[in-house]
Structures are given as C-alpha cells and as structure tokens.
C-alpha cells in the first residue's frame, strides 16, 4: 500500500461527519417528497385537515395555527356562530318568560328553574308528583303538569326531555319494581303520556330514566335523598335549518 492510499483510508476513518451528512441528505429528500405530495391535495381537504389538527390540539387565539379559509367556508362558520348566539339570546328571553310564568302560577318554591348552556331546566321534587314508591301521577302532580303545559304551548319551539331520578335506596323486597332504573323510567314516561293527553306534540317529547345517577347531593341523609328524587324537564330550542 503506498502512502497516498494510506492517507485516503485514514481520512475516511477520521471523518464521522459523512454519516451525519448522509442522514441529513436523506431527511431532506423525504421532506421534499412530502411537500410534493401535499401540493397535490385539494385545497379544501388540506384546510379541513389543518383545522382538525388545530381543534384537536386546542390551539386558539394568539400563536395558533391559522389557515386562510375560502370565502364560502368562512361564511358558513360565521353563520353558524350567529345562529348559536341568536339561540342563546332567545333562550334567555324564554327563561325570563318562564320565571314570570311560574311566579304568576304560584309555583315558586315548588319548581326550580335554571338556564345552563342554552338549555332551560325545570326541576320538580318527586314527592309533589308521585306518592312514595309509586309511578302514577297524583292529582297534585297532574295539576302542576297542566300549569306547565301552558308554558310549553306558548313556546312550541322547545324540545322537552323528561328525566326521572331516584335516590340510591333500592325498592323493597317484594316490590313490583325490579330496580330504580324501572321506577325513574316509568315516572318519566307517565309524565310524557300525560303531556301527550294534554295536547303536546309527540315530536317534542322524550323520556329518560337515570335512576340514582347524577345526584344533586350525596345520598347520606334522608333530606339529601329526598332532593335527589326528582323529575326534570330539559327544554332545548329546536333550530330549523335555513
């Protein structure tokens, strides 16, 4: 081996940067291939992909990833926001009407009313609608439902989900009810049936039984358990597509 060949061999052994350079070149090649492949995507598809990533990462406001939207897409988004804000405003007006309504009907202290995320919630203790351990409406319960029916008719754009709740005490041995799920569901269904009898449109009504789920208070005292036994009317505005 001559001196020139020995010099070249030693030079290769002392040049580890060649491996790093080769890796970097490969990465650059892959990067440009990706750029080329992305350039063939449809603009709409690419924008939807980027927006999905942004939403998944929770990126909002300053410093977030922004992609220019077409005029049509931007208009749809703005229109959706406008309709949502309009819905909230209308629900606030309906809630004000409800507060005045049940004050006039003398239902204060019996019916609780709340506005949460655009939904109006009417909350009634189970004992004012049903006897203990029973699922049939009492005469007092029917009267309260008739009073509420007037408000429901005045606001036909409200969808009504009737939800029954119990405490965590299971039915007594020998009861005709299998469990609290059955009790809560039958109570909600019987309220729904009475509203149907009073003329409320079936398409507006749903009934759900949640047993002892979502308690308002811990089921550790008789007073707390009594408050957890309840029926709620969840009113949600039906938005018609434009």
C-alpha atoms as a PDB file:
ATOM      1  CA  UNK A   1       0.000   0.000   0.000  1.00  0.00           C
ATOM      2  CA  UNK A   2       1.503   3.331  -0.982  1.00  0.00           C
ATOM      3  CA  UNK A   3       1.467   6.491   1.094  1.00  0.00           C
ATOM      4  CA  UNK A   4      -1.397   8.130  -0.899  1.00  0.00           C
ATOM      5  CA  UNK A   5      -3.767   5.174  -0.378  1.00  0.00           C
ATOM      6  CA  UNK A   6      -2.902   5.027   3.308  1.00  0.00           C
ATOM      7  CA  UNK A   7      -3.679   8.747   3.633  1.00  0.00           C
ATOM      8  CA  UNK A   8      -7.127   8.360   1.987  1.00  0.00           C
ATOM      9  CA  UNK A   9      -8.039   5.446   4.247  1.00  0.00           C
ATOM     10  CA  UNK A  10      -7.095   7.315   7.361  1.00  0.00           C
ATOM     11  CA  UNK A  11      -9.040  10.338   6.160  1.00  0.00           C
ATOM     12  CA  UNK A  12     -12.240   8.264   5.781  1.00  0.00           C
ATOM     13  CA  UNK A  13     -11.827   6.744   9.221  1.00  0.00           C
ATOM     14  CA  UNK A  14     -11.362  10.194  10.748  1.00  0.00           C
ATOM     15  CA  UNK A  15     -14.475  11.683   9.063  1.00  0.00           C
ATOM     16  CA  UNK A  16     -17.604  10.554  11.051  1.00  0.00           C
ATOM     17  CA  UNK A  17     -19.425  13.620   9.734  1.00  0.00           C
ATOM     18  CA  UNK A  18     -20.021  11.737   6.488  1.00  0.00           C
ATOM     19  CA  UNK A  19     -22.582   9.510   8.202  1.00  0.00           C
ATOM     20  CA  UNK A  20     -24.414  12.518   9.654  1.00  0.00           C
ATOM     21  CA  UNK A  21     -24.320  14.265   6.292  1.00  0.00           C
ATOM     22  CA  UNK A  22     -25.811  11.215   4.581  1.00  0.00           C
ATOM     23  CA  UNK A  23     -28.635  11.056   7.161  1.00  0.00           C
ATOM     24  CA  UNK A  24     -29.344  14.754   6.726  1.00  0.00           C
ATOM     25  CA  UNK A  25     -29.468  14.372   2.946  1.00  0.00           C
ATOM     26  CA  UNK A  26     -31.949  11.531   3.277  1.00  0.00           C
ATOM     27  CA  UNK A  27     -34.144  13.582   5.611  1.00  0.00           C
ATOM     28  CA  UNK A  28     -34.140  16.497   3.183  1.00  0.00           C
ATOM     29  CA  UNK A  29     -35.124  14.180   0.363  1.00  0.00           C
ATOM     30  CA  UNK A  30     -38.040  12.780   2.379  1.00  0.00           C
ATOM     31  CA  UNK A  31     -39.080  16.327   3.316  1.00  0.00           C
ATOM     32  CA  UNK A  32     -39.250  17.456  -0.307  1.00  0.00           C
ATOM     33  CA  UNK A  33     -41.155  14.311  -1.269  1.00  0.00           C
ATOM     34  CA  UNK A  34     -43.733  15.137   1.412  1.00  0.00           C
ATOM     35  CA  UNK A  35     -44.000  18.703   0.172  1.00  0.00           C
ATOM     36  CA  UNK A  36     -44.600  17.460  -3.327  1.00  0.00           C
ATOM     37  CA  UNK A  37     -47.266  15.007  -2.197  1.00  0.00           C
ATOM     38  CA  UNK A  38     -49.065  17.709  -0.188  1.00  0.00           C
ATOM     39  CA  UNK A  39     -49.083  20.033  -3.161  1.00  0.00           C
ATOM     40  CA  UNK A  40     -51.326  17.591  -4.974  1.00  0.00           C
ATOM     41  CA  UNK A  41     -54.010  17.728  -2.236  1.00  0.00           C
ATOM     42  CA  UNK A  42     -57.194  19.603  -2.797  1.00  0.00           C
ATOM     43  CA  UNK A  43     -57.237  22.931  -1.020  1.00  0.00           C
ATOM     44  CA  UNK A  44     -60.447  22.161   0.851  1.00  0.00           C
ATOM     45  CA  UNK A  45     -59.151  18.812   2.066  1.00  0.00           C
ATOM     46  CA  UNK A  46     -55.894  20.344   3.251  1.00  0.00           C
ATOM     47  CA  UNK A  47     -57.714  23.139   5.106  1.00  0.00           C
ATOM     48  CA  UNK A  48     -60.069  20.702   6.802  1.00  0.00           C
ATOM     49  CA  UNK A  49     -57.121  18.565   7.885  1.00  0.00           C
ATOM     50  CA  UNK A  50     -55.235  21.510   9.379  1.00  0.00           C
ATOM     51  CA  UNK A  51     -58.364  22.772  11.162  1.00  0.00           C
ATOM     52  CA  UNK A  52     -58.967  19.315  12.615  1.00  0.00           C
ATOM     53  CA  UNK A  53     -55.417  19.256  13.943  1.00  0.00           C
ATOM     54  CA  UNK A  54     -55.818  22.723  15.431  1.00  0.00           C
ATOM     55  CA  UNK A  55     -59.056  21.774  17.176  1.00  0.00           C
ATOM     56  CA  UNK A  56     -57.566  18.548  18.490  1.00  0.00           C
ATOM     57  CA  UNK A  57     -54.618  20.430  19.952  1.00  0.00           C
ATOM     58  CA  UNK A  58     -56.881  23.099  21.402  1.00  0.00           C
ATOM     59  CA  UNK A  59     -54.958  25.856  19.660  1.00  0.00           C
ATOM     60  CA  UNK A  60     -56.895  29.088  19.781  1.00  0.00           C
ATOM     61  CA  UNK A  61     -56.150  32.770  19.679  1.00  0.00           C
ATOM     62  CA  UNK A  62     -52.658  34.272  19.511  1.00  0.00           C
ATOM     63  CA  UNK A  63     -49.974  31.981  18.215  1.00  0.00           C
ATOM     64  CA  UNK A  64     -52.401  29.366  16.914  1.00  0.00           C
ATOM     65  CA  UNK A  65     -52.054  27.704  13.570  1.00  0.00           C
ATOM     66  CA  UNK A  66     -54.096  29.648  11.040  1.00  0.00           C
ATOM     67  CA  UNK A  67     -55.139  28.575   7.596  1.00  0.00           C
ATOM     68  CA  UNK A  68     -56.869  31.024   5.252  1.00  0.00           C
ATOM     69  CA  UNK A  69     -60.402  29.830   4.558  1.00  0.00           C
ATOM     70  CA  UNK A  70     -62.274  30.343   1.382  1.00  0.00           C
ATOM     71  CA  UNK A  71     -64.987  32.963   1.410  1.00  0.00           C
ATOM     72  CA  UNK A  72     -67.659  30.269   1.327  1.00  0.00           C
ATOM     73  CA  UNK A  73     -66.209  28.301   4.264  1.00  0.00           C
ATOM     74  CA  UNK A  74     -65.714  31.450   6.300  1.00  0.00           C
ATOM     75  CA  UNK A  75     -69.302  32.484   5.638  1.00  0.00           C
ATOM     76  CA  UNK A  76     -70.629  29.130   6.853  1.00  0.00           C
ATOM     77  CA  UNK A  77     -68.627  29.344  10.075  1.00  0.00           C
ATOM     78  CA  UNK A  78     -69.750  32.900  10.784  1.00  0.00           C
ATOM     79  CA  UNK A  79     -73.361  31.952  10.062  1.00  0.00           C
ATOM     80  CA  UNK A  80     -73.172  29.014  12.493  1.00  0.00           C
ATOM     81  CA  UNK A  81     -71.806  31.261  15.235  1.00  0.00           C
ATOM     82  CA  UNK A  82     -74.509  33.817  14.530  1.00  0.00           C
ATOM     83  CA  UNK A  83     -77.264  31.204  14.800  1.00  0.00           C
ATOM     84  CA  UNK A  84     -75.826  29.887  18.067  1.00  0.00           C
ATOM     85  CA  UNK A  85     -75.664  33.373  19.585  1.00  0.00           C
ATOM     86  CA  UNK A  86     -79.217  34.026  18.423  1.00  0.00           C
ATOM     87  CA  UNK A  87     -80.342  30.766  20.042  1.00  0.00           C
ATOM     88  CA  UNK A  88     -78.748  31.760  23.359  1.00  0.00           C
ATOM     89  CA  UNK A  89     -80.448  35.147  23.251  1.00  0.00           C
ATOM     90  CA  UNK A  90     -83.844  33.593  22.525  1.00  0.00           C
ATOM     91  CA  UNK A  91     -83.382  31.052  25.337  1.00  0.00           C
ATOM     92  CA  UNK A  92     -82.629  33.872  27.754  1.00  0.00           C
ATOM     93  CA  UNK A  93     -85.909  35.526  26.754  1.00  0.00           C
ATOM     94  CA  UNK A  94     -87.791  32.240  27.136  1.00  0.00           C
ATOM     95  CA  UNK A  95     -86.218  31.757  30.562  1.00  0.00           C
ATOM     96  CA  UNK A  96     -87.364  35.225  31.627  1.00  0.00           C
ATOM     97  CA  UNK A  97     -90.866  34.356  30.421  1.00  0.00           C
ATOM     98  CA  UNK A  98     -90.735  31.142  32.441  1.00  0.00           C
ATOM     99  CA  UNK A  99     -89.725  32.927  35.639  1.00  0.00           C
ATOM    100  CA  UNK A 100     -92.637  35.327  35.265  1.00  0.00           C
ATOM    101  CA  UNK A 101     -94.963  32.443  34.363  1.00  0.00           C
ATOM    102  CA  UNK A 102     -94.355  30.243  37.376  1.00  0.00           C
ATOM    103  CA  UNK A 103     -94.471  33.275  39.668  1.00  0.00           C
ATOM    104  CA  UNK A 104     -97.962  34.044  38.334  1.00  0.00           C
ATOM    105  CA  UNK A 105     -98.946  30.382  38.780  1.00  0.00           C
ATOM    106  CA  UNK A 106     -97.714  30.267  42.362  1.00  0.00           C
ATOM    107  CA  UNK A 107     -95.103  27.604  41.594  1.00  0.00           C
ATOM    108  CA  UNK A 108     -92.256  29.390  43.352  1.00  0.00           C
ATOM    109  CA  UNK A 109     -90.719  27.104  45.921  1.00  0.00           C
ATOM    110  CA  UNK A 110     -92.055  24.070  44.053  1.00  0.00           C
ATOM    111  CA  UNK A 111     -90.496  24.340  40.607  1.00  0.00           C
ATOM    112  CA  UNK A 112     -86.826  25.187  40.298  1.00  0.00           C
ATOM    113  CA  UNK A 113     -85.731  26.823  37.041  1.00  0.00           C
ATOM    114  CA  UNK A 114     -82.195  27.055  35.673  1.00  0.00           C
ATOM    115  CA  UNK A 115     -80.526  28.159  32.450  1.00  0.00           C
ATOM    116  CA  UNK A 116     -77.414  26.162  31.564  1.00  0.00           C
ATOM    117  CA  UNK A 117     -75.555  26.346  28.228  1.00  0.00           C
ATOM    118  CA  UNK A 118     -78.663  27.373  26.324  1.00  0.00           C
ATOM    119  CA  UNK A 119     -80.870  24.714  27.958  1.00  0.00           C
ATOM    120  CA  UNK A 120     -83.721  25.546  30.339  1.00  0.00           C
ATOM    121  CA  UNK A 121     -84.075  23.058  33.187  1.00  0.00           C
ATOM    122  CA  UNK A 122     -87.271  22.765  35.233  1.00  0.00           C
ATOM    123  CA  UNK A 123     -86.758  20.691  38.386  1.00  0.00           C
ATOM    124  CA  UNK A 124     -89.627  19.240  40.415  1.00  0.00           C
ATOM    125  CA  UNK A 125     -89.302  17.135  43.591  1.00  0.00           C
ATOM    126  CA  UNK A 126     -90.701  13.650  43.022  1.00  0.00           C
ATOM    127  CA  UNK A 127     -92.900  13.896  46.120  1.00  0.00           C
ATOM    128  CA  UNK A 128     -95.022  16.658  44.566  1.00  0.00           C
ATOM    129  CA  UNK A 129     -95.782  14.426  41.548  1.00  0.00           C
ATOM    130  CA  UNK A 130     -95.859  10.883  42.969  1.00  0.00           C
ATOM    131  CA  UNK A 131     -96.560   9.010  46.153  1.00  0.00           C
ATOM    132  CA  UNK A 132     -93.595   7.277  47.770  1.00  0.00           C
ATOM    133  CA  UNK A 133     -92.633   4.174  45.800  1.00  0.00           C
ATOM    134  CA  UNK A 134     -95.288   4.824  43.146  1.00  0.00           C
ATOM    135  CA  UNK A 135     -95.008   5.821  39.478  1.00  0.00           C
ATOM    136  CA  UNK A 136     -98.523   7.164  38.853  1.00  0.00           C
ATOM    137  CA  UNK A 137     -99.097  10.913  38.940  1.00  0.00           C
ATOM    138  CA  UNK A 138    -101.044  12.250  41.907  1.00  0.00           C
ATOM    139  CA  UNK A 139    -103.825  14.797  41.432  1.00  0.00           C
ATOM    140  CA  UNK A 140    -101.460  17.495  42.685  1.00  0.00           C
ATOM    141  CA  UNK A 141     -98.870  16.298  40.196  1.00  0.00           C
ATOM    142  CA  UNK A 142    -101.361  16.435  37.338  1.00  0.00           C
ATOM    143  CA  UNK A 143    -102.306  19.999  38.251  1.00  0.00           C
ATOM    144  CA  UNK A 144     -98.669  21.109  38.190  1.00  0.00           C
ATOM    145  CA  UNK A 145     -98.165  19.414  34.806  1.00  0.00           C
ATOM    146  CA  UNK A 146    -101.282  21.175  33.472  1.00  0.00           C
ATOM    147  CA  UNK A 147     -99.867  24.508  34.618  1.00  0.00           C
ATOM    148  CA  UNK A 148     -96.523  23.821  32.932  1.00  0.00           C
ATOM    149  CA  UNK A 149     -98.325  22.695  29.789  1.00  0.00           C
ATOM    150  CA  UNK A 150     -99.473  26.262  29.228  1.00  0.00           C
ATOM    151  CA  UNK A 151     -95.875  27.446  29.082  1.00  0.00           C
ATOM    152  CA  UNK A 152     -94.922  24.573  26.767  1.00  0.00           C
ATOM    153  CA  UNK A 153     -97.711  25.535  24.377  1.00  0.00           C
ATOM    154  CA  UNK A 154     -96.633  29.189  24.440  1.00  0.00           C
ATOM    155  CA  UNK A 155     -93.144  28.091  23.324  1.00  0.00           C
ATOM    156  CA  UNK A 156     -93.668  25.439  20.634  1.00  0.00           C
ATOM    157  CA  UNK A 157     -90.024  25.697  19.513  1.00  0.00           C
ATOM    158  CA  UNK A 158     -88.819  23.979  22.702  1.00  0.00           C
ATOM    159  CA  UNK A 159     -87.982  20.276  22.654  1.00  0.00           C
ATOM    160  CA  UNK A 160     -88.826  18.683  26.024  1.00  0.00           C
ATOM    161  CA  UNK A 161     -86.752  15.860  27.517  1.00  0.00           C
ATOM    162  CA  UNK A 162     -88.346  14.487  30.698  1.00  0.00           C
ATOM    163  CA  UNK A 163     -85.805  12.872  33.027  1.00  0.00           C
ATOM    164  CA  UNK A 164     -86.643  10.830  36.102  1.00  0.00           C
ATOM    165  CA  UNK A 165     -84.230  10.404  39.028  1.00  0.00           C
ATOM    166  CA  UNK A 166     -84.295   8.403  42.261  1.00  0.00           C
ATOM    167  CA  UNK A 167     -82.076   8.153  45.316  1.00  0.00           C
ATOM    168  CA  UNK A 168     -79.769   5.186  45.857  1.00  0.00           C
ATOM    169  CA  UNK A 169     -82.168   3.171  48.027  1.00  0.00           C
ATOM    170  CA  UNK A 170     -83.346   0.093  46.070  1.00  0.00           C
ATOM    171  CA  UNK A 171     -87.007  -0.979  46.008  1.00  0.00           C
ATOM    172  CA  UNK A 172     -88.135  -3.022  48.993  1.00  0.00           C
ATOM    173  CA  UNK A 173     -88.198  -6.819  48.701  1.00  0.00           C
ATOM    174  CA  UNK A 174     -91.430  -7.932  47.075  1.00  0.00           C
ATOM    175  CA  UNK A 175     -91.864  -4.609  45.241  1.00  0.00           C
ATOM    176  CA  UNK A 176     -93.398  -4.783  41.790  1.00  0.00           C
ATOM    177  CA  UNK A 177     -90.442  -2.775  40.518  1.00  0.00           C
ATOM    178  CA  UNK A 178     -87.208  -4.528  39.684  1.00  0.00           C
ATOM    179  CA  UNK A 179     -84.899  -1.599  40.434  1.00  0.00           C
ATOM    180  CA  UNK A 180     -84.579   2.193  40.492  1.00  0.00           C
ATOM    181  CA  UNK A 181     -83.989   2.281  36.746  1.00  0.00           C
ATOM    182  CA  UNK A 182     -87.503   0.998  36.223  1.00  0.00           C
ATOM    183  CA  UNK A 183     -89.007   3.465  38.693  1.00  0.00           C
ATOM    184  CA  UNK A 184     -87.252   6.516  37.212  1.00  0.00           C
ATOM    185  CA  UNK A 185     -88.079   5.490  33.639  1.00  0.00           C
ATOM    186  CA  UNK A 186     -91.768   4.797  34.359  1.00  0.00           C
ATOM    187  CA  UNK A 187     -92.178   8.116  36.147  1.00  0.00           C
ATOM    188  CA  UNK A 188     -90.699   9.993  33.194  1.00  0.00           C
ATOM    189  CA  UNK A 189     -92.863   8.015  30.753  1.00  0.00           C
ATOM    190  CA  UNK A 190     -96.054   8.663  32.726  1.00  0.00           C
ATOM    191  CA  UNK A 191     -95.339  12.407  32.749  1.00  0.00           C
ATOM    192  CA  UNK A 192     -94.763  12.218  28.990  1.00  0.00           C
ATOM    193  CA  UNK A 193     -98.033  10.352  28.471  1.00  0.00           C
ATOM    194  CA  UNK A 194     -99.946  12.946  30.453  1.00  0.00           C
ATOM    195  CA  UNK A 195     -98.448  15.764  28.362  1.00  0.00           C
ATOM    196  CA  UNK A 196     -99.493  13.875  25.234  1.00  0.00           C
ATOM    197  CA  UNK A 197    -103.004  13.661  26.654  1.00  0.00           C
ATOM    198  CA  UNK A 198    -102.924  17.426  27.207  1.00  0.00           C
ATOM    199  CA  UNK A 199    -102.083  18.032  23.550  1.00  0.00           C
ATOM    200  CA  UNK A 200     -98.318  18.465  23.434  1.00  0.00           C
ATOM    201  CA  UNK A 201     -96.936  17.249  20.091  1.00  0.00           C
ATOM    202  CA  UNK A 202     -95.221  13.837  20.328  1.00  0.00           C
ATOM    203  CA  UNK A 203     -92.255  15.040  18.234  1.00  0.00           C
ATOM    204  CA  UNK A 204     -91.324  17.457  21.017  1.00  0.00           C
ATOM    205  CA  UNK A 205     -91.180  14.873  23.790  1.00  0.00           C
ATOM    206  CA  UNK A 206     -88.660  12.316  25.018  1.00  0.00           C
ATOM    207  CA  UNK A 207     -88.483  10.446  28.350  1.00  0.00           C
ATOM    208  CA  UNK A 208     -85.398   9.104  30.127  1.00  0.00           C
ATOM    209  CA  UNK A 209     -84.776   7.361  33.454  1.00  0.00           C
ATOM    210  CA  UNK A 210     -81.409   7.845  35.157  1.00  0.00           C
ATOM    211  CA  UNK A 211     -82.107   6.076  38.480  1.00  0.00           C
ATOM    212  CA  UNK A 212     -79.620   7.359  41.087  1.00  0.00           C
ATOM    213  CA  UNK A 213     -77.110   8.748  38.584  1.00  0.00           C
ATOM    214  CA  UNK A 214     -76.224  12.469  38.715  1.00  0.00           C
ATOM    215  CA  UNK A 215     -77.351  13.101  42.319  1.00  0.00           C
ATOM    216  CA  UNK A 216     -77.667  16.705  43.399  1.00  0.00           C
ATOM    217  CA  UNK A 217     -76.418  15.838  46.894  1.00  0.00           C
ATOM    218  CA  UNK A 218     -74.641  12.857  48.485  1.00  0.00           C
ATOM    219  CA  UNK A 219     -77.173  10.178  49.388  1.00  0.00           C
ATOM    220  CA  UNK A 220     -76.114  10.225  53.036  1.00  0.00           C
ATOM    221  CA  UNK A 221     -79.158  11.776  54.762  1.00  0.00           C
ATOM    222  CA  UNK A 222     -82.936  11.499  54.349  1.00  0.00           C
ATOM    223  CA  UNK A 223     -83.071  15.177  53.344  1.00  0.00           C
ATOM    224  CA  UNK A 224     -80.448  14.728  50.629  1.00  0.00           C
ATOM    225  CA  UNK A 225     -82.102  11.598  49.283  1.00  0.00           C
ATOM    226  CA  UNK A 226     -85.437  13.429  49.084  1.00  0.00           C
ATOM    227  CA  UNK A 227     -83.820  16.187  46.999  1.00  0.00           C
ATOM    228  CA  UNK A 228     -82.251  13.640  44.670  1.00  0.00           C
ATOM    229  CA  UNK A 229     -85.669  12.097  43.936  1.00  0.00           C
ATOM    230  CA  UNK A 230     -86.884  14.421  41.228  1.00  0.00           C
ATOM    231  CA  UNK A 231     -88.207  14.913  37.706  1.00  0.00           C
ATOM    232  CA  UNK A 232     -86.548  17.380  35.356  1.00  0.00           C
ATOM    233  CA  UNK A 233     -87.827  18.968  32.168  1.00  0.00           C
ATOM    234  CA  UNK A 234     -84.890  19.906  29.943  1.00  0.00           C
ATOM    235  CA  UNK A 235     -86.011  22.412  27.304  1.00  0.00           C
ATOM    236  CA  UNK A 236     -83.836  22.792  24.238  1.00  0.00           C
ATOM    237  CA  UNK A 237     -84.644  25.136  21.405  1.00  0.00           C
ATOM    238  CA  UNK A 238     -85.204  23.401  18.089  1.00  0.00           C
ATOM    239  CA  UNK A 239     -83.238  25.227  15.380  1.00  0.00           C
ATOM    240  CA  UNK A 240     -84.658  24.836  11.907  1.00  0.00           C
ATOM    241  CA  UNK A 241     -82.115  24.686   9.079  1.00  0.00           C
ATOM    242  CA  UNK A 242     -82.105  27.781   6.894  1.00  0.00           C
END
